Amino acid sequence: MDKKLIELYKCGNMTIPLYILKNRSKLKLELDEFVFLMYLYNKGNDIIFNPGEISEELGLSLEEVMTFISKLTEKKYVRVKSIKNDKDIIEDKINLDYFYQRVSLIMVGDAVKEKGDVESSVFSFIEKEFGRTLSPVEVEIIKSWLENGYTDELVKEAVKEAVFNGVSNLRYIDKILYEWQKKGIKNKKDVEKNREAFRKKEKEEPVEEELFDYNWFEDDDDE
């Protein structure tokens, strides 16, 4: 581990996005390699490769600079490419596209995992409430709810509402979600406020229990 690079890092002379810092282990780089990469990141993409300048700014020998470039190139985080400038002079530039691609893949992977965990939780919850396995058609309907912005929390509340009313049917739950959306209900707290408001209204002026319009003759299984 190069102490000069670590000191540079500690001095706060580099800006490192929190997301990248938190996921440093996923990049599978030694700390000094990571710090050197962050130095390049702070310089920007496609900077002119000037080993002497890098050596002077980081207090490293030319040999150390070339070693870091070689390691990062080998691990496919950077590449040095030759480009002809406006004066038809060939210049070597450090390109960080590989690094950006790595970070993008990590972000996509995290998003997919998070979404997968949420969906799995919702599916398991509904199957438990219904007391049976969901059909492929039902799975697609639930996915469409999540993709259209309904949170897993709200879907679970709608399922509980339906089961409480004695209905284990996704069309009925879809109706509940639609009515809640019109009322601006977005989470469990909003649902509880809506129920409390309904209870108060019942006490002040007795009304028939609120049940969502449902055609029982069309209560075919979604399977």
Protein backbone atom coordinates (compact mmCIF):
# COMPACT_ATOMS: atom_id res chain seq x y z
CA MET A 1 0.00 0.00 0.00
CA ASP A 2 1.50 3.31 -1.08
CA LYS A 3 1.60 5.66 1.94
CA LYS A 4 1.84 8.77 -0.28
CA LEU A 5 -1.47 7.99 -1.92
CA ILE A 6 -3.14 7.21 1.39
CA GLU A 7 -1.96 10.55 2.82
CA LEU A 8 -3.35 12.30 -0.25
CA TYR A 9 -6.67 10.56 0.36
CA LYS A 10 -6.70 11.53 4.05
CA CYS A 11 -6.03 15.18 3.26
CA GLY A 12 -9.35 15.36 1.44
CA ASN A 13 -7.82 16.52 -1.82
CA MET A 14 -10.08 14.23 -3.79
CA THR A 15 -13.84 14.05 -4.12
CA ILE A 16 -15.19 10.52 -3.95
CA PRO A 17 -18.95 9.97 -4.45
CA LEU A 18 -20.47 8.27 -1.43
CA TYR A 19 -22.00 5.54 -3.57
CA ILE A 20 -18.61 4.60 -5.02
CA LEU A 21 -16.98 4.71 -1.59
CA LYS A 22 -19.64 2.44 -0.07
CA ASN A 23 -19.23 -0.05 -2.89
CA ARG A 24 -15.44 0.03 -3.00
CA SER A 25 -15.18 -3.64 -2.05
CA LYS A 26 -17.20 -4.60 -5.14
CA LEU A 27 -14.58 -2.98 -7.36
CA LYS A 28 -12.03 -5.51 -6.06
CA LEU A 29 -9.14 -3.06 -5.97
CA GLU A 30 -6.40 -2.59 -3.44
CA LEU A 31 -6.78 0.64 -1.47
CA ASP A 32 -3.83 2.34 -3.18
CA GLU A 33 -5.17 1.30 -6.61
CA PHE A 34 -8.59 2.68 -5.67
CA VAL A 35 -7.10 6.00 -4.53
CA PHE A 36 -5.07 6.29 -7.74
CA LEU A 37 -8.23 5.56 -9.76
CA MET A 38 -10.11 8.24 -7.82
CA TYR A 39 -7.32 10.68 -8.64
CA LEU A 40 -7.90 9.96 -12.34
CA TYR A 41 -11.68 10.17 -11.80
CA ASN A 42 -11.28 13.66 -10.33
CA LYS A 43 -9.26 14.70 -13.36
CA GLY A 44 -12.08 13.77 -15.72
CA ASN A 45 -12.45 11.39 -18.65
CA ASP A 46 -10.06 11.38 -21.62
CA ILE A 47 -7.39 13.50 -19.92
CA ILE A 48 -4.00 13.74 -21.60
CA PHE A 49 -1.75 11.06 -20.18
CA ASN A 50 1.21 12.90 -18.75
CA PRO A 51 3.14 10.52 -16.45
CA GLY A 52 5.51 13.30 -15.37
CA GLU A 53 2.67 15.55 -14.22
CA ILE A 54 0.96 12.70 -12.37
CA SER A 55 4.26 11.77 -10.77
CA GLU A 56 4.78 15.32 -9.52
CA GLU A 57 1.22 15.82 -8.25
CA LEU A 58 1.10 12.51 -6.39
CA GLY A 59 4.71 12.41 -5.26
CA LEU A 60 5.23 9.07 -6.98
CA SER A 61 8.07 7.90 -9.17
CA LEU A 62 7.46 7.46 -12.90
CA GLU A 63 7.83 3.74 -12.39
CA GLU A 64 5.09 3.73 -9.72
CA VAL A 65 2.76 5.76 -11.96
CA MET A 66 3.23 3.35 -14.85
CA THR A 67 2.70 0.38 -12.52
CA PHE A 68 -0.65 1.77 -11.36
CA ILE A 69 -1.72 2.48 -14.93
CA SER A 70 -0.68 -1.03 -15.94
CA LYS A 71 -2.63 -2.63 -13.06
CA LEU A 72 -5.80 -0.61 -13.72
CA THR A 73 -5.56 -1.35 -17.43
CA GLU A 74 -5.11 -5.05 -16.77
CA LYS A 75 -8.12 -5.06 -14.44
CA LYS A 76 -10.10 -3.17 -17.11
CA TYR A 77 -10.79 0.06 -15.24
CA VAL A 78 -8.90 2.38 -17.55
CA ARG A 79 -7.34 2.30 -20.99
CA VAL A 80 -4.81 4.51 -22.64
CA LYS A 81 -5.79 5.40 -26.18
CA SER A 82 -3.97 7.43 -28.81
CA ILE A 83 -5.98 10.28 -30.36
CA LYS A 84 -4.99 12.81 -32.99
CA ASN A 85 -5.62 16.38 -31.80
CA ASP A 86 -6.58 19.46 -33.84
CA LYS A 87 -2.94 19.94 -34.84
CA ASP A 88 -2.65 16.36 -36.13
CA ILE A 89 -0.44 15.46 -33.20
CA ILE A 90 -0.96 12.06 -31.62
CA GLU A 91 -1.75 12.29 -27.91
CA ASP A 92 -2.21 9.53 -25.36
CA LYS A 93 -5.34 9.96 -23.27
CA ILE A 94 -6.62 8.08 -20.24
CA ASN A 95 -10.16 6.84 -20.83
CA LEU A 96 -12.37 5.83 -17.88
CA ASP A 97 -15.31 4.34 -19.79
CA TYR A 98 -14.56 0.88 -18.37
CA PHE A 99 -14.76 2.27 -14.84
CA TYR A 100 -18.07 4.02 -15.53
CA GLN A 101 -19.44 0.77 -16.96
CA ARG A 102 -18.38 -1.12 -13.83
CA VAL A 103 -20.13 1.38 -11.57
CA SER A 104 -23.27 1.29 -13.75
CA LEU A 105 -23.38 -2.51 -13.54
CA ILE A 106 -23.11 -2.35 -9.76
CA MET A 107 -25.96 0.18 -9.59
CA VAL A 108 -28.16 -1.88 -11.92
CA GLY A 109 -27.36 -5.02 -9.95
CA ASP A 110 -28.35 -3.34 -6.68
CA ALA A 111 -31.58 -2.04 -8.21
CA VAL A 112 -32.50 -5.46 -9.58
CA LYS A 113 -31.74 -7.13 -6.24
CA GLU A 114 -33.78 -4.55 -4.34
CA LYS A 115 -36.72 -4.90 -6.72
CA GLY A 116 -36.45 -8.68 -6.59
CA ASP A 117 -36.47 -8.66 -2.79
CA VAL A 118 -39.54 -6.40 -2.74
CA GLU A 119 -41.43 -8.51 -5.28
CA SER A 120 -40.56 -11.73 -3.48
CA SER A 121 -41.83 -10.24 -0.22
CA VAL A 122 -45.13 -9.13 -1.79
CA PHE A 123 -45.73 -12.46 -3.54
CA SER A 124 -45.04 -14.44 -0.37
CA PHE A 125 -47.34 -12.19 1.63
CA ILE A 126 -50.25 -12.55 -0.81
CA GLU A 127 -49.84 -16.32 -1.06
CA LYS A 128 -49.93 -16.53 2.73
CA GLU A 129 -53.06 -14.35 2.92
CA PHE A 130 -54.81 -16.29 0.12
CA GLY A 131 -53.67 -19.64 1.47
CA ARG A 132 -52.58 -20.84 -1.96
CA THR A 133 -49.92 -20.45 -4.64
CA LEU A 134 -50.32 -17.56 -7.09
CA SER A 135 -50.91 -18.35 -10.74
CA PRO A 136 -48.61 -16.98 -13.48
CA VAL A 137 -51.36 -14.53 -14.50
CA GLU A 138 -51.68 -13.26 -10.93
CA VAL A 139 -47.92 -12.83 -10.68
CA GLU A 140 -47.96 -10.62 -13.78
CA ILE A 141 -50.83 -8.53 -12.38
CA ILE A 142 -48.94 -7.94 -9.13
CA LYS A 143 -45.80 -7.02 -11.08
CA SER A 144 -47.82 -4.45 -13.03
CA TRP A 145 -48.97 -2.85 -9.75
CA LEU A 146 -45.38 -2.43 -8.60
CA GLU A 147 -44.24 -1.16 -12.00
CA ASN A 148 -47.08 1.39 -12.02
CA GLY A 149 -45.92 2.95 -8.77
CA TYR A 150 -47.88 1.14 -6.07
CA THR A 151 -45.50 0.41 -3.20
CA ASP A 152 -45.23 -3.06 -1.68
CA GLU A 153 -46.54 -1.54 1.56
CA LEU A 154 -49.70 -0.23 -0.12
CA VAL A 155 -50.31 -3.49 -2.00
CA LYS A 156 -50.07 -5.43 1.26
CA GLU A 157 -52.58 -3.07 2.90
CA ALA A 158 -54.98 -3.52 -0.02
CA VAL A 159 -54.64 -7.30 0.26
CA LYS A 160 -55.43 -7.15 3.99
CA GLU A 161 -58.45 -4.95 3.22
CA ALA A 162 -59.73 -7.44 0.66
CA VAL A 163 -59.20 -10.47 2.90
CA PHE A 164 -60.93 -8.64 5.78
CA ASN A 165 -63.93 -8.19 3.48
CA GLY A 166 -63.84 -11.88 2.63
CA VAL A 167 -62.51 -11.53 -0.91
CA SER A 168 -59.36 -13.21 -2.20
CA ASN A 169 -59.41 -11.90 -5.73
CA LEU A 170 -56.91 -9.62 -7.50
CA ARG A 171 -59.60 -7.71 -9.39
CA TYR A 172 -61.10 -6.64 -6.08
CA ILE A 173 -57.66 -5.61 -4.79
CA ASP A 174 -57.05 -3.69 -8.00
CA LYS A 175 -60.30 -1.78 -7.35
CA ILE A 176 -59.14 -0.94 -3.82
CA LEU A 177 -55.79 0.35 -5.11
CA TYR A 178 -57.56 2.43 -7.76
CA GLU A 179 -59.91 4.03 -5.20
CA TRP A 180 -57.02 4.74 -2.84
CA GLN A 181 -55.05 6.33 -5.64
CA LYS A 182 -57.97 8.70 -6.34
CA LYS A 183 -57.99 9.67 -2.65
CA GLY A 184 -54.24 10.27 -2.62
CA ILE A 185 -53.57 7.33 -0.30
CA LYS A 186 -49.95 6.27 -0.80
CA ASN A 187 -48.84 4.32 2.28
CA LYS A 188 -49.93 2.51 5.42
CA LYS A 189 -50.17 5.75 7.38
CA ASP A 190 -52.57 7.21 4.81
CA VAL A 191 -54.64 4.00 4.91
CA GLU A 192 -54.94 4.20 8.70
CA LYS A 193 -55.95 7.88 8.51
CA ASN A 194 -58.62 7.01 5.95
CA ARG A 195 -59.99 4.22 8.16
CA GLU A 196 -60.01 6.49 11.20
CA ALA A 197 -61.87 9.20 9.27
CA PHE A 198 -64.42 6.59 8.16
CA ARG A 199 -64.93 5.41 11.76
CA LYS A 200 -65.53 8.99 12.95
CA LYS A 201 -68.02 9.54 10.15
CA GLU A 202 -69.84 6.35 11.16
CA LYS A 203 -70.16 7.57 14.76
CA GLU A 204 -71.40 11.02 13.78
CA GLU A 205 -73.75 9.83 11.06
CA PRO A 206 -74.34 6.08 10.79
CA VAL A 207 -73.84 4.86 7.23
CA GLU A 208 -73.62 1.50 5.58
CA GLU A 209 -70.20 -0.14 5.71
CA GLU A 210 -68.00 1.00 2.85
CA LEU A 211 -67.54 -1.84 0.40
CA PHE A 212 -66.03 -1.43 -3.02
CA ASP A 213 -68.31 -2.14 -5.96
CA TYR A 214 -67.69 -5.74 -6.96
CA ASN A 215 -69.44 -8.01 -9.47
CA TRP A 216 -69.65 -11.36 -7.72
CA PHE A 217 -70.93 -13.07 -10.89
CA GLU A 218 -67.58 -12.33 -12.54
CA ASP A 219 -65.60 -13.73 -9.65
CA ASP A 220 -63.66 -16.17 -11.77
CA ASP A 221 -60.34 -17.36 -10.49
CA ASP A 222 -57.38 -15.41 -11.86
CA GLU A 223 -55.53 -18.66 -12.29
